[in-house]
Amino acid sequence: MASRSYRACFLCQRTAVVNIMFRSVSSAALPQPKVDFLKGELHRKHPGVTNLKTVRLPEQLQLAAQSIIHRVRVPELTERSQKLTNFLWSRKRAVEELMLRQKAVSMEKELWEKAVQNIGGDVDEQLLGDRIRKKVLSELRRTTYRWTPLKYDEDLSMVYMAARLAGGYAAVRRALNEIKKRDPSFAPQTLLDFGSGLGTVAWLVASHSCWGDSLREMVCVDSSAAMNVLAEQLLKGDDERAQPHIKHVYFRQFLPVSPKVQFDLVVAAFTLSELPNVNDRADAVTTLWRKTNSYLVLVENGTKEGHQMMMEARDVLLKKQEKVVHDSRPASVFAPCPHEMMCPKLAQEPVTPCNFHQRYHPLPLPGRHECQTEKFSYLILSRTEPAEPAPEGLDWGRLIAPVLCRTRHVHCHVCRSDGRLQHMVVTARKHSRDVYRCARNSEWGDQLPIVDSVKEETKVHSDSES
């Protein structure tokens, strides 16, 4: 009996070894797709990496801002700048008149039905109608968000500089780095910054790490005269007699009139949220697109409101047909969306914003020294075709959440080019060693290479057993 049980155990072990060998042979025999997406780069610098390390303000800009703050001495500047930051972050879009009317009609109908059921018999309809209308108006005033425009005078402009100079600079720097990395041949000569505020975009693009060597004209448009004056002071290092640190920067309160005047790069950062309604935003985006020769860059806060304003703008430019076309080249989404279909995040419940983040060093103020994180949503539209199409079998997905690296596998949440969200567990065995190492070196906001994989070896194994 002992020898028989020993023989049975030996047979079981031998069968297990054969199965393991069969799996390894089957796996080795499966052809792994070979796609050259690295283009000679290291895995930690693969073409999809667009994130930046912690961003600092240019030294001259930071010194000028500190000099102005020290000279003007705004009372309670730190506290007021924090309050303004909180207000801008929690700000919503104004409720549209059509939605208000629909809500009022629905409430009035509901109140009429309740009143008729409760009272019964003869009813003084005029008196009851007046009461119901007053109640509807009172309820609308109580529950409707009241959007109010911000008027940037000298005082509020100073508070805005303390609150948003560094964070706004970091968000736009991250967005523009997408163009710099993915289109290295792009060398803009003209820039239009709509809603330029403190002129940080001019500082950014004029740096030699961006396009300082090619730019010849930068037009900054802001309706606030006080903001334009402060931006010019920053350019001169808070010295009226000094020459500006950046040349060829022109400040305006209104956009150039002619629709035929185009700029290689057009930027509108944290500007759409300052417009009162959806029609004004659509008109502004359409006007900016007419003035775009290559790239239009839009940036807003990384909130639900900011993301939805980006999607509004995308729909306007992709779907709306203009009556008079001055440039027939169509709009295409360059970033961050890998597709031009409906945003899958808007179709989910609960709705979560598609946003990204960038670490930065804040403007030194009392009690503010540690690095901070700017959350933002952005949209880049292009008139130019891709420099070269992606190789067959290669898809670039956008990482829309932090990457979780675990032992021999990586959790990635990506937005795919077919318009769906996917949770991928990336391993070297299933997705190839190159894709696995790229995933481990990628961060939230980067693009991840996704190679069409062959059939699972488990299926091959089960077929062979049957």
Protein backbone atom coordinates (compact mmCIF):
# COMPACT_ATOMS: atom_id res chain seq x y z
CA MET A 1 0.00 0.00 0.00
CA ALA A 2 2.81 2.37 0.87
CA SER A 3 4.56 1.79 -2.46
CA ARG A 4 1.28 2.30 -4.36
CA SER A 5 0.56 5.62 -2.61
CA TYR A 6 4.18 6.67 -3.20
CA ARG A 7 3.82 5.88 -6.93
CA ALA A 8 0.54 7.88 -7.11
CA CYS A 9 2.20 10.85 -5.40
CA PHE A 10 5.14 10.65 -7.82
CA LEU A 11 2.76 10.63 -10.81
CA CYS A 12 0.94 13.69 -9.46
CA GLN A 13 4.23 15.55 -9.03
CA ARG A 14 5.38 14.60 -12.52
CA THR A 15 2.06 15.79 -14.00
CA ALA A 16 2.39 19.11 -12.18
CA VAL A 17 5.96 19.58 -13.48
CA VAL A 18 4.83 18.79 -17.04
CA ASN A 19 2.00 21.33 -16.76
CA ILE A 20 4.37 24.02 -15.53
CA MET A 21 6.80 23.25 -18.36
CA PHE A 22 3.95 23.33 -20.87
CA ARG A 23 2.81 26.72 -19.64
CA SER A 24 6.30 28.19 -19.80
CA VAL A 25 6.87 26.79 -23.28
CA SER A 26 3.45 28.02 -24.45
CA SER A 27 4.13 31.45 -22.97
CA ALA A 28 7.58 31.62 -24.56
CA ALA A 29 6.15 30.51 -27.88
CA LEU A 30 3.55 33.28 -27.93
CA PRO A 31 4.83 36.19 -30.03
CA GLN A 32 5.11 39.38 -27.98
CA PRO A 33 4.16 42.50 -29.96
CA LYS A 34 7.19 44.65 -30.73
CA VAL A 35 6.39 48.35 -31.05
CA ASP A 36 9.12 50.98 -30.90
CA PHE A 37 7.39 53.61 -28.77
CA LEU A 38 10.46 54.49 -26.70
CA LYS A 39 12.30 56.06 -29.68
CA GLY A 40 15.63 55.61 -27.96
CA GLU A 41 14.52 57.22 -24.67
CA LEU A 42 14.91 55.75 -21.20
CA HIS A 43 11.81 54.29 -19.58
CA ARG A 44 11.68 57.15 -17.06
CA LYS A 45 11.72 59.63 -19.94
CA HIS A 46 9.42 57.82 -22.36
CA PRO A 47 7.49 60.02 -24.86
CA GLY A 48 4.32 60.00 -22.75
CA VAL A 49 5.95 61.68 -19.73
CA THR A 50 4.87 65.32 -19.55
CA ASN A 51 4.84 65.90 -15.79
CA LEU A 52 7.26 68.39 -14.30
CA LYS A 53 9.18 68.44 -11.06
CA THR A 54 8.27 71.05 -8.45
CA VAL A 55 7.89 74.37 -10.31
CA ARG A 56 9.47 77.62 -9.15
CA LEU A 57 8.64 81.14 -10.25
CA PRO A 58 11.38 82.84 -12.29
CA GLU A 59 13.69 84.58 -9.83
CA GLN A 60 13.17 88.03 -11.37
CA LEU A 61 9.38 87.65 -11.22
CA GLN A 62 9.43 86.48 -7.60
CA LEU A 63 11.73 89.33 -6.51
CA ALA A 64 9.54 91.89 -8.28
CA ALA A 65 6.39 90.53 -6.61
CA GLN A 66 8.04 90.56 -3.17
CA SER A 67 9.26 94.12 -3.75
CA ILE A 68 5.76 95.35 -4.67
CA ILE A 69 4.16 93.57 -1.70
CA HIS A 70 6.76 95.05 0.68
CA ARG A 71 6.31 98.55 -0.77
CA VAL A 72 2.50 98.66 -0.88
CA ARG A 73 1.91 96.86 2.45
CA VAL A 74 -1.66 95.61 1.95
CA PRO A 75 -3.27 95.01 5.36
CA GLU A 76 -3.98 91.36 6.26
CA LEU A 77 -2.60 90.22 2.92
CA THR A 78 -2.02 86.57 3.90
CA GLU A 79 -5.53 86.09 5.31
CA ARG A 80 -7.20 87.90 2.41
CA SER A 81 -5.24 85.94 -0.18
CA GLN A 82 -6.37 82.67 1.42
CA LYS A 83 -10.00 83.82 1.41
CA LEU A 84 -9.74 84.77 -2.26
CA THR A 85 -8.21 81.37 -3.08
CA ASN A 86 -11.08 79.60 -1.32
CA PHE A 87 -13.66 81.79 -3.07
CA LEU A 88 -12.22 81.15 -6.54
CA TRP A 89 -11.95 77.41 -5.89
CA SER A 90 -15.58 77.11 -4.74
CA ARG A 91 -16.95 79.43 -7.44
CA LYS A 92 -19.65 77.99 -9.68
CA ARG A 93 -21.02 78.99 -13.05
CA ALA A 94 -24.00 81.35 -13.04
CA VAL A 95 -27.35 79.55 -13.31
CA GLU A 96 -28.74 80.06 -16.81
CA GLU A 97 -32.06 81.92 -17.17
CA LEU A 98 -33.68 79.01 -19.03
CA MET A 99 -32.90 76.63 -16.17
CA LEU A 100 -34.27 79.15 -13.65
CA ARG A 101 -37.53 79.48 -15.60
CA GLN A 102 -37.90 75.70 -15.87
CA LYS A 103 -37.28 75.31 -12.14
CA ALA A 104 -39.81 78.06 -11.30
CA VAL A 105 -42.51 76.50 -13.52
CA SER A 106 -41.93 73.07 -11.96
CA MET A 107 -42.11 74.45 -8.40
CA GLU A 108 -45.25 76.48 -9.16
CA LYS A 109 -47.02 73.46 -10.66
CA GLU A 110 -46.15 71.31 -7.64
CA LEU A 111 -47.40 73.96 -5.18
CA TRP A 112 -50.66 74.40 -7.08
CA GLU A 113 -51.36 70.66 -6.94
CA LYS A 114 -50.71 70.54 -3.19
CA ALA A 115 -52.87 73.61 -2.53
CA VAL A 116 -55.83 72.28 -4.49
CA GLN A 117 -55.69 68.93 -2.66
CA ASN A 118 -55.47 70.53 0.80
CA ILE A 119 -58.00 73.33 0.40
CA GLY A 120 -60.70 71.80 -1.84
CA GLY A 121 -63.99 73.54 -2.66
CA ASP A 122 -64.03 77.16 -3.82
CA VAL A 123 -60.61 78.76 -4.10
CA ASP A 124 -59.68 82.38 -4.71
CA GLU A 125 -57.32 81.56 -7.56
CA GLN A 126 -55.88 85.07 -7.82
CA LEU A 127 -55.00 85.27 -4.13
CA LEU A 128 -53.63 81.71 -4.10
CA GLY A 129 -51.63 82.38 -7.26
CA ASP A 130 -50.02 85.46 -5.70
CA ARG A 131 -49.04 83.46 -2.60
CA ILE A 132 -47.58 80.64 -4.66
CA ARG A 133 -45.54 83.02 -6.85
CA LYS A 134 -44.14 84.78 -3.77
CA LYS A 135 -43.21 81.42 -2.27
CA VAL A 136 -41.52 80.32 -5.52
CA LEU A 137 -39.50 83.56 -5.71
CA SER A 138 -38.48 83.24 -2.08
CA GLU A 139 -37.36 79.64 -2.59
CA LEU A 140 -35.40 80.50 -5.74
CA ARG A 141 -33.59 83.33 -3.96
CA ARG A 142 -32.70 80.96 -1.11
CA THR A 143 -31.47 78.03 -3.19
CA THR A 144 -29.99 79.61 -6.36
CA TYR A 145 -26.25 80.24 -6.52
CA ARG A 146 -25.56 83.95 -6.94
CA TRP A 147 -22.74 84.50 -9.36
CA THR A 148 -21.08 87.90 -9.04
CA PRO A 149 -18.30 89.32 -11.24
CA LEU A 150 -15.00 90.30 -9.67
CA LYS A 151 -13.75 93.82 -10.34
CA TYR A 152 -9.98 93.85 -10.03
CA ASP A 153 -9.01 97.27 -8.72
CA GLU A 154 -5.55 98.03 -7.33
CA ASP A 155 -6.30 96.47 -3.95
CA LEU A 156 -7.85 93.24 -5.24
CA SER A 157 -5.13 92.89 -7.89
CA MET A 158 -2.52 92.87 -5.13
CA VAL A 159 -4.44 90.22 -3.19
CA TYR A 160 -4.80 88.15 -6.37
CA MET A 161 -1.03 88.35 -6.96
CA ALA A 162 -0.33 87.03 -3.47
CA ALA A 163 -2.96 84.30 -3.84
CA ARG A 164 -2.58 83.05 -7.41
CA LEU A 165 0.72 84.13 -8.98
CA ALA A 166 2.66 80.91 -8.26
CA GLY A 167 -0.23 78.44 -8.57
CA GLY A 168 -1.46 79.86 -11.87
CA TYR A 169 2.06 79.89 -13.25
CA ALA A 170 2.55 76.22 -12.30
CA ALA A 171 -0.70 75.06 -13.95
CA VAL A 172 -0.02 76.84 -17.26
CA ARG A 173 3.61 75.67 -17.22
CA ARG A 174 2.43 72.06 -16.94
CA ALA A 175 -0.12 72.49 -19.76
CA LEU A 176 2.36 74.13 -22.13
CA ASN A 177 4.95 71.45 -21.38
CA GLU A 178 2.60 69.02 -23.16
CA ILE A 179 3.15 70.94 -26.42
CA LYS A 180 6.87 71.39 -25.77
CA LYS A 181 7.38 67.66 -25.21
CA ARG A 182 5.11 66.23 -27.90
CA ASP A 183 5.75 68.80 -30.64
CA PRO A 184 9.44 69.77 -30.35
CA SER A 185 9.42 71.41 -33.79
CA PHE A 186 6.83 73.99 -32.71
CA ALA A 187 8.47 77.43 -32.43
CA PRO A 188 5.81 80.13 -32.00
CA GLN A 189 6.59 83.69 -33.02
CA THR A 190 3.39 85.31 -31.72
CA LEU A 191 1.37 84.86 -28.50
CA LEU A 192 -2.09 86.06 -27.46
CA ASP A 193 -2.92 85.79 -23.75
CA PHE A 194 -6.62 86.46 -23.17
CA GLY A 195 -7.38 87.41 -19.57
CA SER A 196 -3.66 87.84 -19.00
CA GLY A 197 -3.94 89.06 -15.41
CA LEU A 198 -0.42 89.35 -13.99
CA GLY A 199 1.25 88.47 -17.29
CA THR A 200 2.59 85.12 -16.04
CA VAL A 201 2.07 83.44 -19.43
CA ALA A 202 4.44 85.95 -21.05
CA TRP A 203 7.05 85.18 -18.38
CA LEU A 204 6.56 81.47 -18.99
CA VAL A 205 6.71 81.29 -22.77
CA ALA A 206 9.52 83.85 -22.99
CA SER A 207 11.81 81.69 -20.86
CA HIS A 208 14.54 79.84 -22.74
CA SER A 209 13.15 76.52 -21.46
CA CYS A 210 10.05 77.21 -23.56
CA TRP A 211 10.12 79.42 -26.67
CA GLY A 212 12.08 82.51 -25.67
CA ASP A 213 14.34 82.19 -28.71
CA SER A 214 11.53 82.33 -31.29
CA LEU A 215 8.87 84.69 -29.87
CA ARG A 216 8.66 88.13 -31.48
CA GLU A 217 5.34 89.50 -30.22
CA MET A 218 3.24 88.87 -27.10
CA VAL A 219 -0.16 90.54 -26.76
CA CYS A 220 -1.70 90.44 -23.26
CA VAL A 221 -5.40 91.31 -23.08
CA ASP A 222 -7.14 92.02 -19.76
CA SER A 223 -10.19 94.19 -19.12
CA SER A 224 -8.76 95.39 -15.77
CA ALA A 225 -6.55 98.45 -16.19
CA ALA A 226 -5.20 97.99 -12.63
CA MET A 227 -4.15 94.41 -13.45
CA ASN A 228 -2.35 95.55 -16.61
CA VAL A 229 -0.47 98.22 -14.62
CA LEU A 230 0.60 95.62 -12.02
CA ALA A 231 1.72 93.22 -14.78
CA GLU A 232 3.90 95.97 -16.30
CA GLN A 233 5.41 96.71 -12.87
CA LEU A 234 6.34 93.06 -12.53
CA LEU A 235 8.01 93.12 -15.96
CA LYS A 236 10.13 96.09 -14.89
CA GLY A 237 11.11 94.59 -11.54
CA ASP A 238 9.10 97.23 -9.64
CA ASP A 239 11.29 100.00 -11.10
CA GLU A 240 9.48 102.39 -13.44
CA ARG A 241 12.74 103.65 -14.97
CA ALA A 242 14.07 100.16 -15.73
CA GLN A 243 13.73 98.34 -19.02
CA PRO A 244 11.27 95.39 -18.92
CA HIS A 245 12.84 91.97 -18.38
CA ILE A 246 10.90 90.67 -21.39
CA LYS A 247 10.67 92.66 -24.60
CA HIS A 248 7.88 92.82 -27.18
CA VAL A 249 5.08 92.48 -24.60
CA TYR A 250 2.03 94.67 -25.31
CA PHE A 251 -0.89 95.16 -22.93
CA ARG A 252 -4.43 95.78 -24.19
CA GLN A 253 -7.91 95.96 -22.64
CA PHE A 254 -9.64 94.56 -25.73
CA LEU A 255 -8.96 91.84 -28.29
CA PRO A 256 -7.63 92.83 -31.73
CA VAL A 257 -10.64 93.60 -33.93
CA SER A 258 -9.68 91.94 -37.20
CA PRO A 259 -10.58 88.22 -37.36
CA LYS A 260 -7.78 87.73 -39.88
CA VAL A 261 -5.08 88.52 -37.29
CA GLN A 262 -3.87 85.16 -35.96
CA PHE A 263 -1.34 84.12 -33.32
CA ASP A 264 0.73 80.95 -33.26
CA LEU A 265 -0.18 80.31 -29.61
CA VAL A 266 -3.36 81.50 -27.86
CA VAL A 267 -3.83 81.02 -24.10
CA ALA A 268 -6.80 81.71 -21.81
CA ALA A 269 -5.99 80.69 -18.23
CA PHE A 270 -8.62 81.01 -15.47
CA THR A 271 -10.58 83.37 -17.74
CA LEU A 272 -13.71 81.50 -18.84
CA SER A 273 -14.88 81.35 -15.22
CA GLU A 274 -14.96 85.17 -15.21
CA LEU A 275 -17.62 85.23 -17.95
CA PRO A 276 -21.27 85.38 -16.77
CA ASN A 277 -23.02 82.79 -18.94
CA VAL A 278 -22.64 79.94 -21.40
CA ASN A 279 -23.27 82.15 -24.45
CA ASP A 280 -20.50 84.58 -23.48
CA ARG A 281 -18.12 81.67 -22.92
CA ALA A 282 -19.02 80.15 -26.30
CA ASP A 283 -18.50 83.49 -28.07
CA ALA A 284 -15.15 84.01 -26.35
CA VAL A 285 -13.91 80.51 -27.23
CA THR A 286 -15.03 80.90 -30.85
CA THR A 287 -13.27 84.25 -31.14
CA LEU A 288 -10.07 82.86 -29.64
CA TRP A 289 -10.16 79.91 -32.03
CA ARG A 290 -10.45 82.27 -35.01
CA LYS A 291 -7.27 83.95 -33.79
CA THR A 292 -5.41 80.65 -33.35
CA ASN A 293 -2.88 79.64 -35.98
CA SER A 294 -1.53 76.51 -34.25
CA TYR A 295 -2.53 75.85 -30.62
CA LEU A 296 -5.29 77.10 -28.30
CA VAL A 297 -4.67 76.40 -24.60
CA LEU A 298 -7.47 76.71 -22.01
CA VAL A 299 -6.87 76.24 -18.26
CA GLU A 300 -9.31 76.37 -15.34
CA ASN A 301 -9.53 75.19 -11.73
CA GLY A 302 -9.60 71.41 -11.32
CA THR A 303 -13.17 71.40 -10.00
CA LYS A 304 -16.38 70.01 -11.52
CA GLU A 305 -17.15 73.52 -12.77
CA GLY A 306 -13.72 73.96 -14.35
CA HIS A 307 -13.84 70.57 -16.06
CA GLN A 308 -17.35 71.16 -17.40
CA MET A 309 -16.28 74.53 -18.82
CA MET A 310 -13.49 72.73 -20.66
CA MET A 311 -16.00 70.25 -22.09
CA GLU A 312 -18.34 73.10 -23.08
CA ALA A 313 -15.49 74.74 -24.99
CA ARG A 314 -14.52 71.45 -26.65
CA ASP A 315 -18.09 70.84 -27.84
CA VAL A 316 -18.37 74.39 -29.23
CA LEU A 317 -15.21 74.09 -31.31
CA LEU A 318 -15.71 70.50 -32.48
CA LYS A 319 -19.41 70.65 -33.30
CA LYS A 320 -20.39 74.24 -34.08
CA GLN A 321 -20.36 75.28 -37.74
CA GLU A 322 -19.36 78.89 -38.34
CA LYS A 323 -21.15 80.93 -40.99
CA VAL A 324 -17.98 82.73 -42.08
CA VAL A 325 -14.83 80.60 -42.08
CA HIS A 326 -11.51 82.48 -42.16
CA ASP A 327 -9.34 79.40 -41.57
CA SER A 328 -10.69 76.11 -42.90
CA ARG A 329 -8.35 73.90 -40.87
CA PRO A 330 -10.57 72.01 -38.37
CA ALA A 331 -10.02 71.78 -34.63
CA SER A 332 -8.59 68.58 -33.18
CA VAL A 333 -8.05 67.71 -29.51
CA PHE A 334 -4.33 67.64 -28.70
CA ALA A 335 -4.57 67.10 -24.92
CA PRO A 336 -5.51 65.79 -22.47
CA CYS A 337 -8.32 63.77 -24.11
CA PRO A 338 -7.11 60.84 -26.27
CA HIS A 339 -10.43 60.96 -28.16
CA GLU A 340 -13.12 63.42 -29.30
CA MET A 341 -16.16 61.58 -27.91
CA MET A 342 -18.20 62.49 -24.84
CA CYS A 343 -16.09 62.62 -21.70
CA PRO A 344 -16.69 59.27 -19.92
CA LYS A 345 -16.31 60.98 -16.54
CA LEU A 346 -19.43 63.07 -17.22
CA ALA A 347 -21.41 59.87 -17.86
CA GLN A 348 -20.54 58.37 -14.47
CA GLU A 349 -22.44 58.81 -11.22
CA PRO A 350 -21.30 60.56 -9.15
CA VAL A 351 -19.65 62.93 -11.62
CA THR A 352 -15.98 63.53 -10.83
CA PRO A 353 -13.82 66.14 -12.57
CA CYS A 354 -11.04 65.19 -14.95
CA ASN A 355 -8.21 67.14 -13.35
CA PHE A 356 -4.45 67.02 -12.92
CA HIS A 357 -1.97 68.41 -10.45
CA GLN A 358 1.36 70.20 -10.31
CA ARG A 359 3.62 70.80 -7.31
CA TYR A 360 5.06 74.30 -6.91
CA HIS A 361 6.89 76.63 -4.53
CA PRO A 362 4.47 79.37 -3.39
CA LEU A 363 5.26 83.05 -3.23
CA PRO A 364 7.04 83.53 0.15
CA LEU A 365 4.58 85.12 2.57
CA PRO A 366 4.33 84.90 6.37
CA GLY A 367 3.21 81.37 7.27
CA ARG A 368 3.55 80.07 3.71
CA HIS A 369 6.79 78.20 3.02
CA GLU A 370 5.98 74.58 2.20
CA CYS A 371 5.42 73.34 -1.35
CA GLN A 372 1.82 73.31 -2.50
CA THR A 373 -0.17 71.44 -5.15
CA GLU A 374 -2.23 73.10 -7.87
CA LYS A 375 -5.17 71.08 -9.20
CA PHE A 376 -6.34 72.18 -12.63
CA SER A 377 -8.25 71.12 -15.73
CA TYR A 378 -6.99 72.02 -19.17
CA LEU A 379 -7.73 71.63 -22.85
CA ILE A 380 -5.38 72.04 -25.83
CA LEU A 381 -6.82 72.24 -29.33
CA SER A 382 -4.69 72.17 -32.45
CA ARG A 383 -4.99 73.17 -36.09
CA THR A 384 -1.97 71.10 -37.06
CA GLU A 385 -1.90 67.40 -37.91
CA PRO A 386 0.15 65.01 -35.72
CA ALA A 387 3.82 65.01 -36.66
CA GLU A 388 3.70 61.25 -37.22
CA PRO A 389 0.90 58.72 -36.65
CA ALA A 390 1.21 56.19 -33.85
CA PRO A 391 2.57 52.80 -35.00
CA GLU A 392 0.00 50.11 -35.68
CA GLY A 393 -0.92 48.23 -32.53
CA LEU A 394 0.03 51.16 -30.23
CA ASP A 395 -2.48 53.24 -28.28
CA TRP A 396 -1.70 56.11 -25.92
CA GLY A 397 -3.99 56.32 -22.89
CA ARG A 398 -4.14 59.22 -20.43
CA LEU A 399 -3.52 58.44 -16.77
CA ILE A 400 -6.41 60.06 -14.90
CA ALA A 401 -5.52 59.02 -11.34
CA PRO A 402 -2.39 58.41 -9.25
CA VAL A 403 -0.36 55.36 -10.35
CA LEU A 404 -0.12 52.67 -7.65
CA CYS A 405 3.11 50.64 -7.87
CA ARG A 406 2.97 47.26 -6.19
CA THR A 407 5.19 44.17 -6.20
CA ARG A 408 5.60 43.09 -9.85
CA HIS A 409 2.42 44.91 -10.95
CA VAL A 410 1.14 48.48 -11.37
CA HIS A 411 -2.44 49.76 -11.03
CA CYS A 412 -3.25 52.35 -13.74
CA HIS A 413 -6.53 54.14 -14.41
CA VAL A 414 -6.51 55.35 -18.01
CA CYS A 415 -8.79 57.10 -20.47
CA ARG A 416 -8.54 55.19 -23.77
CA SER A 417 -8.76 56.41 -27.36
CA ASP A 418 -12.06 54.54 -27.79
CA GLY A 419 -13.70 56.82 -25.21
CA ARG A 420 -13.81 54.44 -22.23
CA LEU A 421 -12.16 54.41 -18.81
CA GLN A 422 -10.14 51.35 -17.89
CA HIS A 423 -8.47 50.07 -14.75
CA MET A 424 -5.34 48.27 -15.95
CA VAL A 425 -3.15 46.02 -13.83
CA VAL A 426 0.11 46.21 -15.78
CA THR A 427 2.64 43.37 -15.49
CA ALA A 428 5.76 42.54 -17.47
CA ARG A 429 4.35 39.11 -18.39
CA LYS A 430 1.05 40.35 -19.80
CA HIS A 431 2.03 43.72 -21.26
CA SER A 432 5.77 43.38 -22.04
CA ARG A 433 8.75 44.52 -20.01
CA ASP A 434 8.92 47.95 -21.71
CA VAL A 435 5.27 48.84 -21.03
CA TYR A 436 5.60 47.63 -17.44
CA ARG A 437 8.68 49.75 -16.77
CA CYS A 438 7.06 52.77 -18.45
CA ALA A 439 4.03 52.35 -16.19
CA ARG A 440 6.24 52.30 -13.08
CA ASN A 441 7.89 55.54 -14.21
CA SER A 442 4.67 57.36 -15.14
CA GLU A 443 2.55 59.69 -13.03
CA TRP A 444 -0.99 61.01 -12.95
CA GLY A 445 -1.47 63.10 -16.10
CA ASP A 446 1.14 61.35 -18.25
CA GLN A 447 0.32 59.29 -21.31
CA LEU A 448 0.80 55.54 -21.04
CA PRO A 449 1.72 53.36 -24.06
CA ILE A 450 -0.77 50.52 -24.48
CA VAL A 451 0.27 47.78 -26.91
CA ASP A 452 -2.37 45.43 -28.31
CA SER A 453 -1.60 42.19 -26.46
CA VAL A 454 -1.81 38.69 -27.88
CA LYS A 455 -4.35 36.16 -26.58
CA GLU A 456 -3.88 35.03 -23.05
CA GLU A 457 -1.70 31.96 -22.72
CA THR A 458 -4.26 30.50 -20.31
CA LYS A 459 -6.71 30.24 -23.21
CA VAL A 460 -4.09 28.46 -25.32
CA HIS A 461 -3.41 26.10 -22.43
CA SER A 462 -7.10 25.28 -21.91
CA ASP A 463 -7.55 24.65 -25.65
CA SER A 464 -4.60 22.26 -25.70
CA GLU A 465 -5.93 20.35 -22.69
CA SER A 466 -9.35 19.92 -24.31
